[in-house]
Protein backbone atom coordinates (compact mmCIF):
# COMPACT_ATOMS: atom_id res chain seq x y z
CA MET A 1 0.00 0.00 0.00
CA GLN A 2 2.89 2.36 0.77
CA VAL A 3 4.24 1.99 -2.76
CA ILE A 4 0.80 2.62 -4.28
CA LEU A 5 0.26 5.72 -2.16
CA PHE A 6 3.69 7.03 -3.09
CA ILE A 7 3.06 6.49 -6.83
CA TYR A 8 -0.45 7.92 -6.46
CA GLY A 9 0.86 11.10 -4.84
CA LEU A 10 3.80 11.34 -7.24
CA ALA A 11 1.51 11.06 -10.28
CA PHE A 12 -0.76 13.89 -9.14
CA PHE A 13 2.11 16.06 -7.95
CA SER A 14 3.86 15.51 -11.32
CA LEU A 15 0.63 16.49 -13.09
CA GLY A 16 0.46 19.76 -11.19
CA LEU A 17 4.17 20.48 -11.52
CA THR A 18 4.18 19.72 -15.27
CA ILE A 19 1.34 22.14 -15.91
CA TRP A 20 2.87 24.78 -13.63
CA LEU A 21 6.23 24.66 -15.40
CA ARG A 22 5.13 24.29 -19.00
CA TYR A 23 1.96 26.27 -19.55
CA ASP A 24 2.11 29.91 -20.67
CA PRO A 25 -0.44 32.24 -19.01
CA ARG A 26 0.15 34.76 -21.82
CA SER A 27 -1.22 32.31 -24.36
CA THR A 28 -4.24 33.32 -26.41
CA LEU A 29 -5.69 29.81 -26.09
CA LYS A 30 -8.76 29.59 -23.87
CA LEU A 31 -7.42 26.46 -22.24
CA ALA A 32 -4.41 28.36 -20.88
CA GLN A 33 -6.62 30.60 -18.74
CA ILE A 34 -7.95 27.70 -16.62
CA LEU A 35 -5.16 25.12 -16.60
CA TRP A 36 -3.65 26.51 -13.43
CA PHE A 37 -6.72 25.26 -11.52
CA LEU A 38 -5.85 21.74 -12.65
CA ALA A 39 -2.26 22.38 -11.58
CA GLY A 40 -3.48 23.43 -8.12
CA PHE A 41 -5.58 20.26 -7.89
CA GLY A 42 -2.63 18.05 -8.80
CA LEU A 43 -0.19 19.68 -6.40
CA LEU A 44 -2.58 19.68 -3.41
CA HIS A 45 -3.86 16.17 -4.10
CA GLY A 46 -0.33 14.84 -4.38
CA LEU A 47 0.57 16.43 -1.04
CA LYS A 48 -2.59 14.93 0.51
CA ASP A 49 -1.68 11.42 -0.66
CA TRP A 50 1.86 11.76 0.67
CA LEU A 51 0.40 12.96 3.95
CA ASP A 52 -1.70 9.77 4.05
CA LEU A 53 1.46 7.78 3.34
CA TRP A 54 3.23 9.51 6.22
CA ALA A 55 0.22 8.74 8.44
CA LEU A 56 1.08 5.02 8.17
CA SER A 57 4.31 5.72 10.04
CA PRO A 58 4.42 5.60 13.85
CA SER A 59 6.24 8.94 13.85
CA PHE A 60 3.32 10.76 12.17
CA PRO A 61 2.38 13.86 14.24
CA SER A 62 -1.13 13.57 15.61
CA TYR A 63 -1.92 17.24 14.99
CA LEU A 64 -1.60 16.67 11.23
CA GLN A 65 -4.42 14.14 11.18
CA THR A 66 -7.00 16.91 10.96
CA ALA A 67 -5.21 18.47 7.95
CA SER A 68 -5.89 15.58 5.56
CA PRO A 69 -9.65 16.17 4.95
CA TYR A 70 -9.15 19.92 4.49
CA LEU A 71 -6.29 19.32 2.05
CA LEU A 72 -8.54 16.90 0.17
CA LEU A 73 -11.37 19.46 0.09
CA SER A 74 -9.03 22.20 -1.15
CA SER A 75 -7.72 20.02 -3.97
CA PHE A 76 -11.25 19.05 -5.07
CA LEU A 77 -12.34 22.69 -5.05
CA PHE A 78 -9.57 23.42 -7.57
CA LEU A 79 -10.79 20.46 -9.67
CA PHE A 80 -14.39 21.70 -9.35
CA GLU A 81 -13.42 25.19 -10.58
CA PHE A 82 -11.43 23.72 -13.48
CA GLY A 83 -14.42 21.59 -14.53
CA ARG A 84 -16.86 24.48 -14.10
CA ARG A 85 -14.85 26.88 -16.24
CA LEU A 86 -14.00 24.27 -18.88
CA LEU A 87 -17.67 23.37 -19.23
CA LEU A 88 -18.70 27.02 -19.52
CA ASP A 89 -16.00 27.75 -22.11
CA SER A 90 -17.02 24.67 -24.09
CA LEU A 91 -20.64 25.84 -24.35
CA ILE A 92 -19.92 29.37 -25.62
CA GLY A 93 -22.17 30.05 -28.59
CA GLN A 94 -24.34 26.98 -27.97
CA ALA A 95 -28.07 26.91 -27.25
CA SER A 96 -27.48 25.72 -23.69
CA GLU A 97 -24.96 28.45 -22.90
CA MET A 98 -27.36 30.66 -20.93
CA ILE A 99 -28.65 27.74 -18.86
CA ALA A 100 -25.08 26.70 -18.05
CA VAL A 101 -24.14 30.27 -17.11
CA ARG A 102 -27.05 30.44 -14.64
CA VAL A 103 -26.51 27.00 -13.13
CA LEU A 104 -22.71 27.15 -13.00
CA SER A 105 -22.30 30.72 -11.83
CA PRO A 106 -19.81 31.36 -8.99
CA TRP A 107 -22.80 31.40 -6.62
CA ILE A 108 -22.84 27.60 -6.87
CA TYR A 109 -20.15 27.59 -4.17
CA VAL A 110 -22.60 28.98 -1.60
CA PRO A 111 -24.84 25.89 -1.36
CA LEU A 112 -21.87 23.59 -1.98
CA LEU A 113 -19.84 24.88 0.96
CA ALA A 114 -22.95 25.31 3.09
CA VAL A 115 -23.82 21.61 2.72
CA LEU A 116 -20.24 20.56 3.48
CA GLY A 117 -20.12 22.81 6.53
CA PHE A 118 -23.48 21.61 7.84
CA ILE A 119 -22.60 17.93 7.47
CA SER A 120 -19.18 18.41 9.06
CA LEU A 121 -20.53 20.34 12.04
CA HIS A 122 -23.47 18.01 12.74
CA SER A 123 -21.62 14.74 12.43
CA GLU A 124 -20.12 12.70 15.23
CA GLN A 125 -17.15 11.92 12.99
CA SER A 126 -16.66 15.34 11.39
CA SER A 127 -13.32 14.55 9.70
CA LEU A 128 -14.64 11.34 8.14
CA SER A 129 -17.86 13.03 7.02
CA LEU A 130 -15.94 15.93 5.51
CA THR A 131 -13.72 13.49 3.63
CA ILE A 132 -16.65 11.48 2.27
CA TRP A 133 -18.77 14.44 1.23
CA SER A 134 -15.77 16.25 -0.25
CA ARG A 135 -15.51 13.28 -2.60
CA TYR A 136 -19.26 13.21 -3.31
CA LEU A 137 -19.72 16.93 -3.99
CA PRO A 138 -16.68 18.85 -5.32
CA GLY A 139 -14.80 15.63 -6.15
CA PHE A 140 -17.42 13.74 -8.13
CA LEU A 141 -19.11 16.82 -9.56
CA GLY A 142 -15.79 18.46 -10.50
CA SER A 143 -14.53 15.30 -12.25
CA THR A 144 -17.86 14.89 -14.03
CA MET A 145 -17.83 18.50 -15.24
CA ALA A 146 -14.23 18.06 -16.38
CA THR A 147 -15.29 14.95 -18.33
CA LEU A 148 -18.22 16.71 -20.00
CA GLY A 149 -16.16 19.84 -20.55
CA THR A 150 -13.40 17.91 -22.29
CA PHE A 151 -15.83 16.11 -24.61
CA LEU A 152 -17.72 19.32 -25.43
CA PHE A 153 -14.51 21.27 -25.86
CA CYS A 154 -13.41 18.71 -28.45
CA LYS A 155 -16.81 18.91 -30.15
CA TYR A 156 -17.44 22.66 -30.21
CA ARG A 157 -14.30 24.61 -29.41
CA LEU A 158 -11.27 22.61 -30.49
CA HIS A 159 -11.24 23.67 -34.13
CA GLN A 160 -11.99 27.28 -33.21
CA GLU A 161 -8.70 27.52 -31.34
CA ASP A 162 -5.72 28.65 -33.36
CA PRO A 163 -5.12 25.80 -35.86
CA ALA A 164 -1.45 26.70 -36.25
CA THR A 165 -0.72 25.38 -32.74
CA GLY A 166 -1.87 21.88 -33.67
CA LEU A 167 -4.19 21.71 -30.67
CA ALA A 168 -6.83 19.86 -32.68
CA HIS A 169 -4.33 17.21 -33.82
CA HIS A 170 -4.00 15.55 -30.40
CA HIS A 171 -7.31 13.67 -30.47
CA LEU A 172 -5.99 10.63 -28.60
CA ALA A 173 -4.68 12.78 -25.78
CA TRP A 174 -8.03 14.58 -25.48
CA TYR A 175 -9.95 11.30 -25.33
CA LEU A 176 -7.55 9.92 -22.71
CA VAL A 177 -8.03 13.06 -20.61
CA ALA A 178 -11.82 12.71 -20.78
CA LEU A 179 -11.69 8.99 -20.02
CA SER A 180 -9.32 9.56 -17.08
CA PHE A 181 -11.63 12.18 -15.59
CA LEU A 182 -14.60 9.82 -16.01
CA VAL A 183 -12.88 6.89 -14.29
CA TYR A 184 -11.56 9.22 -11.59
CA ALA A 185 -15.06 10.61 -10.98
CA ILE A 186 -16.20 7.09 -10.12
CA SER A 187 -13.11 5.77 -8.32
CA ALA A 188 -12.38 8.91 -6.29
CA GLY A 189 -15.79 10.56 -6.16
CA LEU A 190 -18.07 7.63 -5.42
CA VAL A 191 -15.79 5.02 -3.84
CA THR A 192 -15.05 6.58 -0.46
CA GLU A 193 -14.00 5.62 3.03
CA SER A 194 -16.41 3.30 4.81
CA SER A 195 -19.19 4.78 6.93
CA SER A 196 -22.41 3.50 8.43
CA ARG A 197 -24.39 6.20 6.68
CA SER A 198 -24.96 7.33 3.08
CA LEU A 199 -23.74 5.55 -0.04
CA SER A 200 -20.36 4.85 1.56
CA SER A 201 -21.89 2.00 3.59
CA VAL A 202 -22.30 0.07 0.33
CA LEU A 203 -19.73 1.56 -2.07
CA ASN A 204 -16.45 2.00 -0.24
CA VAL A 205 -12.74 1.33 -0.37
CA GLU A 206 -12.85 -2.00 1.51
CA GLY A 207 -15.78 -3.29 -0.53
CA PHE A 208 -13.94 -2.47 -3.76
CA ARG A 209 -10.86 -4.37 -2.57
CA GLN A 210 -12.89 -7.42 -1.61
CA THR A 211 -14.82 -7.38 -4.90
CA PHE A 212 -12.01 -6.76 -7.38
CA GLY A 213 -8.97 -7.82 -5.41
CA ILE A 214 -7.08 -4.57 -5.95
CA PRO A 215 -6.98 -1.35 -3.91
CA ILE A 216 -8.96 1.57 -5.30
CA GLN A 217 -5.84 3.71 -4.87
CA LEU A 218 -4.26 1.74 -7.72
CA VAL A 219 -7.11 2.71 -10.06
CA ARG A 220 -6.81 6.35 -8.98
CA ALA A 221 -3.05 6.22 -9.51
CA MET A 222 -3.56 4.90 -13.06
CA CYS A 223 -5.96 7.77 -13.73
CA ALA A 224 -3.40 10.24 -12.41
CA ILE A 225 -0.61 8.78 -14.55
CA THR A 226 -2.80 8.84 -17.66
CA LEU A 227 -3.84 12.41 -16.94
CA ALA A 228 -0.26 13.53 -16.39
CA CYS A 229 0.95 11.94 -19.65
CA SER A 230 -2.00 13.20 -21.71
CA ILE A 231 -1.90 16.74 -20.34
CA GLY A 232 1.88 16.75 -20.82
CA SER A 233 1.33 15.90 -24.49
CA LEU A 234 -1.23 18.69 -24.87
CA LEU A 235 1.11 21.20 -23.28
CA LYS A 236 3.29 20.98 -26.39
CA VAL A 237 0.84 23.37 -28.02
CA PHE A 238 2.17 26.22 -25.91
CA SER A 239 5.67 25.69 -27.30
CA GLN A 240 4.22 25.51 -30.81
CA GLU A 241 2.23 28.70 -30.21
CA HIS A 242 5.34 30.43 -28.89
CA GLU A 243 7.31 29.35 -31.98
CA LYS A 244 4.53 30.67 -34.20
CA LEU A 245 4.54 34.02 -32.38
CA LEU A 246 8.32 34.25 -32.81
CA ARG A 247 7.97 33.53 -36.53
CA ASN A 248 5.27 36.16 -36.87
CA GLU A 249 7.37 38.71 -34.97
CA ALA A 250 10.36 37.91 -37.17
CA GLU A 251 8.23 38.38 -40.28
CA ARG A 252 6.84 41.69 -39.00
CA SER A 253 10.36 42.83 -38.15
CA ARG A 254 11.52 41.92 -41.65
CA ILE A 255 8.65 43.85 -43.24
CA SER A 256 9.27 46.83 -40.95
CA LEU A 257 12.96 46.78 -41.77
CA GLU A 258 12.24 46.68 -45.50
CA LEU A 259 9.81 49.59 -45.09
CA PHE A 260 12.43 51.50 -43.10
CA TYR A 261 15.06 51.10 -45.81
CA GLU A 262 12.54 52.04 -48.52
CA THR A 263 11.54 55.16 -46.57
CA LYS A 264 15.17 56.03 -45.92
CA ALA A 265 16.04 55.64 -49.60
CA CYS A 266 13.08 57.85 -50.55
CA LEU A 267 14.12 60.49 -48.00
CA ASP A 268 17.73 60.42 -49.19
CA ALA A 269 16.58 60.86 -52.78
CA THR A 270 14.35 63.77 -51.73
CA LEU A 271 17.19 65.45 -49.86
CA ARG A 272 19.52 65.09 -52.82
CA ALA A 273 16.94 66.31 -55.36
CA SER A 274 15.85 69.39 -53.41
CA SER A 275 17.18 72.77 -54.59
CA GLN A 276 16.73 74.18 -51.08
CA GLY A 277 18.86 73.64 -48.04
CA LEU A 278 17.12 71.22 -45.70
CA VAL A 279 18.04 70.79 -42.04
CA GLY A 280 16.19 68.57 -39.58
CA LEU A 281 16.29 69.29 -35.84
CA ASP A 282 15.05 67.23 -32.89
CA SER A 283 12.98 68.63 -30.01
CA ASN A 284 16.15 69.92 -28.32
CA GLY A 285 17.17 71.87 -31.41
CA LEU A 286 20.02 69.49 -32.29
CA VAL A 287 20.81 68.77 -35.94
CA VAL A 288 19.58 65.35 -37.06
CA PHE A 289 20.25 65.61 -40.80
CA ALA A 290 21.23 68.15 -43.45
CA ASN A 291 21.25 67.76 -47.21
CA ASP A 292 24.15 68.61 -49.52
CA VAL A 293 22.70 72.02 -50.45
CA ALA A 294 22.50 73.05 -46.78
CA LEU A 295 26.00 71.76 -46.06
CA GLY A 296 27.35 73.67 -49.06
CA LEU A 297 25.67 76.96 -48.09
CA LEU A 298 26.76 76.65 -44.45
CA ASP A 299 30.26 75.35 -45.24
CA TYR A 300 29.91 72.32 -42.96
CA ARG A 301 30.31 68.58 -43.29
CA ILE A 302 27.59 66.35 -41.91
CA GLY A 303 29.99 64.84 -39.37
CA THR A 304 30.82 68.23 -37.87
CA ILE A 305 27.29 69.64 -37.62
CA LYS A 306 25.18 66.59 -36.82
CA GLY A 307 24.24 66.45 -33.14
CA ARG A 308 25.11 70.10 -32.52
CA SER A 309 22.72 72.88 -31.52
CA PHE A 310 21.62 74.69 -34.69
CA TYR A 311 21.08 77.83 -32.62
CA ARG A 312 24.63 77.90 -31.23
CA THR A 313 26.16 76.84 -34.53
CA CYS A 314 24.31 78.80 -37.20
CA HIS A 315 21.73 81.14 -35.62
CA HIS A 316 23.35 82.65 -32.55
CA THR A 317 23.72 86.24 -33.90
CA ASP A 318 21.76 88.47 -36.24
CA MET A 319 23.17 90.39 -39.24
CA ASP A 320 23.89 93.46 -37.06
CA GLY A 321 26.09 91.41 -34.74
CA GLN A 322 23.56 91.37 -31.91
CA ALA A 323 23.34 88.06 -30.04
CA ARG A 324 19.95 86.36 -30.26
CA PRO A 325 18.71 85.90 -26.67
CA VAL A 326 16.44 82.91 -27.38
CA ASP A 327 16.95 79.56 -29.07
CA LEU A 328 13.95 79.48 -31.42
CA TRP A 329 14.37 75.78 -32.21
CA HIS A 330 14.47 74.25 -28.72
CA GLY A 331 11.05 72.75 -27.97
CA TYR A 332 9.58 74.36 -31.07
CA LYS A 333 5.84 73.65 -31.34
CA GLY A 334 4.89 75.78 -34.35
CA ASN A 335 2.60 78.75 -34.49
CA PRO A 336 -0.94 78.71 -33.00
CA ASN A 337 -2.56 78.03 -36.38
CA ASN A 338 -0.30 75.04 -36.96
CA THR A 339 0.79 76.35 -40.35
CA ILE A 340 4.27 76.49 -41.85
CA GLU A 341 6.13 79.53 -40.60
CA ARG A 342 7.92 81.63 -43.21
CA VAL A 343 10.73 84.15 -42.63
CA ASN A 344 11.58 86.32 -45.66
CA LYS A 345 14.99 87.53 -44.52
CA ASP A 346 17.40 86.34 -41.87
CA CYS A 347 20.95 85.08 -41.68
CA PHE A 348 22.67 81.78 -40.90
CA TRP A 349 26.33 81.66 -39.93
CA ARG A 350 28.88 79.62 -41.86
CA ALA A 351 31.68 77.54 -40.39
CA ASN A 352 34.24 80.17 -41.47
CA GLY A 353 32.58 82.88 -39.34
CA THR A 354 30.74 84.72 -42.13
CA TRP A 355 26.99 84.80 -42.55
CA VAL A 356 24.72 84.13 -45.49
CA SER A 357 21.43 85.94 -46.02
CA VAL A 358 18.55 83.46 -46.25
CA SER A 359 14.81 83.12 -46.41
CA TYR A 360 13.42 79.99 -44.77
CA GLN A 361 10.34 78.01 -43.85
CA VAL A 362 9.87 76.04 -40.64
CA ALA A 363 7.59 73.03 -40.35
CA PRO A 364 7.19 71.12 -37.06
CA GLN A 365 7.36 67.33 -37.06
CA TRP A 366 4.48 65.73 -35.16
CA ARG A 367 4.29 62.32 -33.54
CA ASN A 368 1.34 61.13 -31.44
CA GLY A 369 0.04 64.68 -31.26
CA ARG A 370 3.30 66.16 -29.97
CA ALA A 371 5.97 68.16 -31.79
CA GLN A 372 9.17 66.12 -31.99
CA GLY A 373 11.35 68.60 -33.87
CA VAL A 374 11.37 70.81 -36.98
CA ILE A 375 12.51 70.82 -40.58
CA ILE A 376 14.04 74.03 -41.85
CA ALA A 377 13.99 74.63 -45.63
CA PHE A 378 16.06 77.67 -46.62
CA THR A 379 17.33 79.46 -49.73
CA ALA A 380 20.28 81.86 -49.97
CA LEU A 381 19.34 85.40 -50.97
CA ALA A 382 21.36 87.28 -53.54
């Protein structure tokens, strides 16, 4: 029995740990949003079975005996929530959807927990009663809903999920999951510890052993192993979905890069073809680009002017030699009417210390409703 309990606990704990480590909560698949409930069930149920294994030892602390039924109840509540949500998701768009939404609303936990609490408090053997009715209510009902949810998910929802992940190609795994939940609903939800009251007086662990010659824990362990292997196979879809997302991102990056180079080539051609001097500034008034005409008129090379303040480099003083007190290009937002600003006569200073008389136009560059810099188009005056 010790070996069976160890394998039983290990199978469920492995189920929970496999889901916890391999599923991706960022997935767009509906199944990914509820799988963590099944992981919680597996982890808690595995711990409960190992606690029962420890209870066979003489060194088992007596104060932990009361923890086993509550650990069992907690694990079955996770299974119940998994089955409830899977069944609701499977019936989306079906005629029975509204009925299922009403019956399986979160309010279903009120009568469920109320019945469990009432039975536990009014029973002479509260721990045993809690264990038995935890199997009857959240255990059996949760496994049954998981069975129905799996079958209906395969019928209605499977092909609506992203086909590129291959989720619909694992039919055998889906059927094994449904079959495992069905067998588990009977073996763990109906075959309980022996009691003089309720169904457990007829259908119980000892009666099953005497009838079939094997412990019911072995059947439950086989269900857990089948579930763990089948769910592990289905979890491959998250890796496939991740690979697909990476391929899509790579394709979008390639298209964006091609568009960038096409735009850059078009801009370079425009700068070369323009008969005006063109200078682009960022929001701090620093030179971002300048075409050949601008560089020729200002007697600069692109390497010596790029990144410098246009105000301090070319617009610091007027034609009369008076210093300009304000940098017009720093944080430039355009005029109130948001039209291109034109200046008929001004001067820009060359690298050799002389100035050139110019007329220019200023157009702000907008991004997301905010000015991100300006483009200055100027022509030398005779």
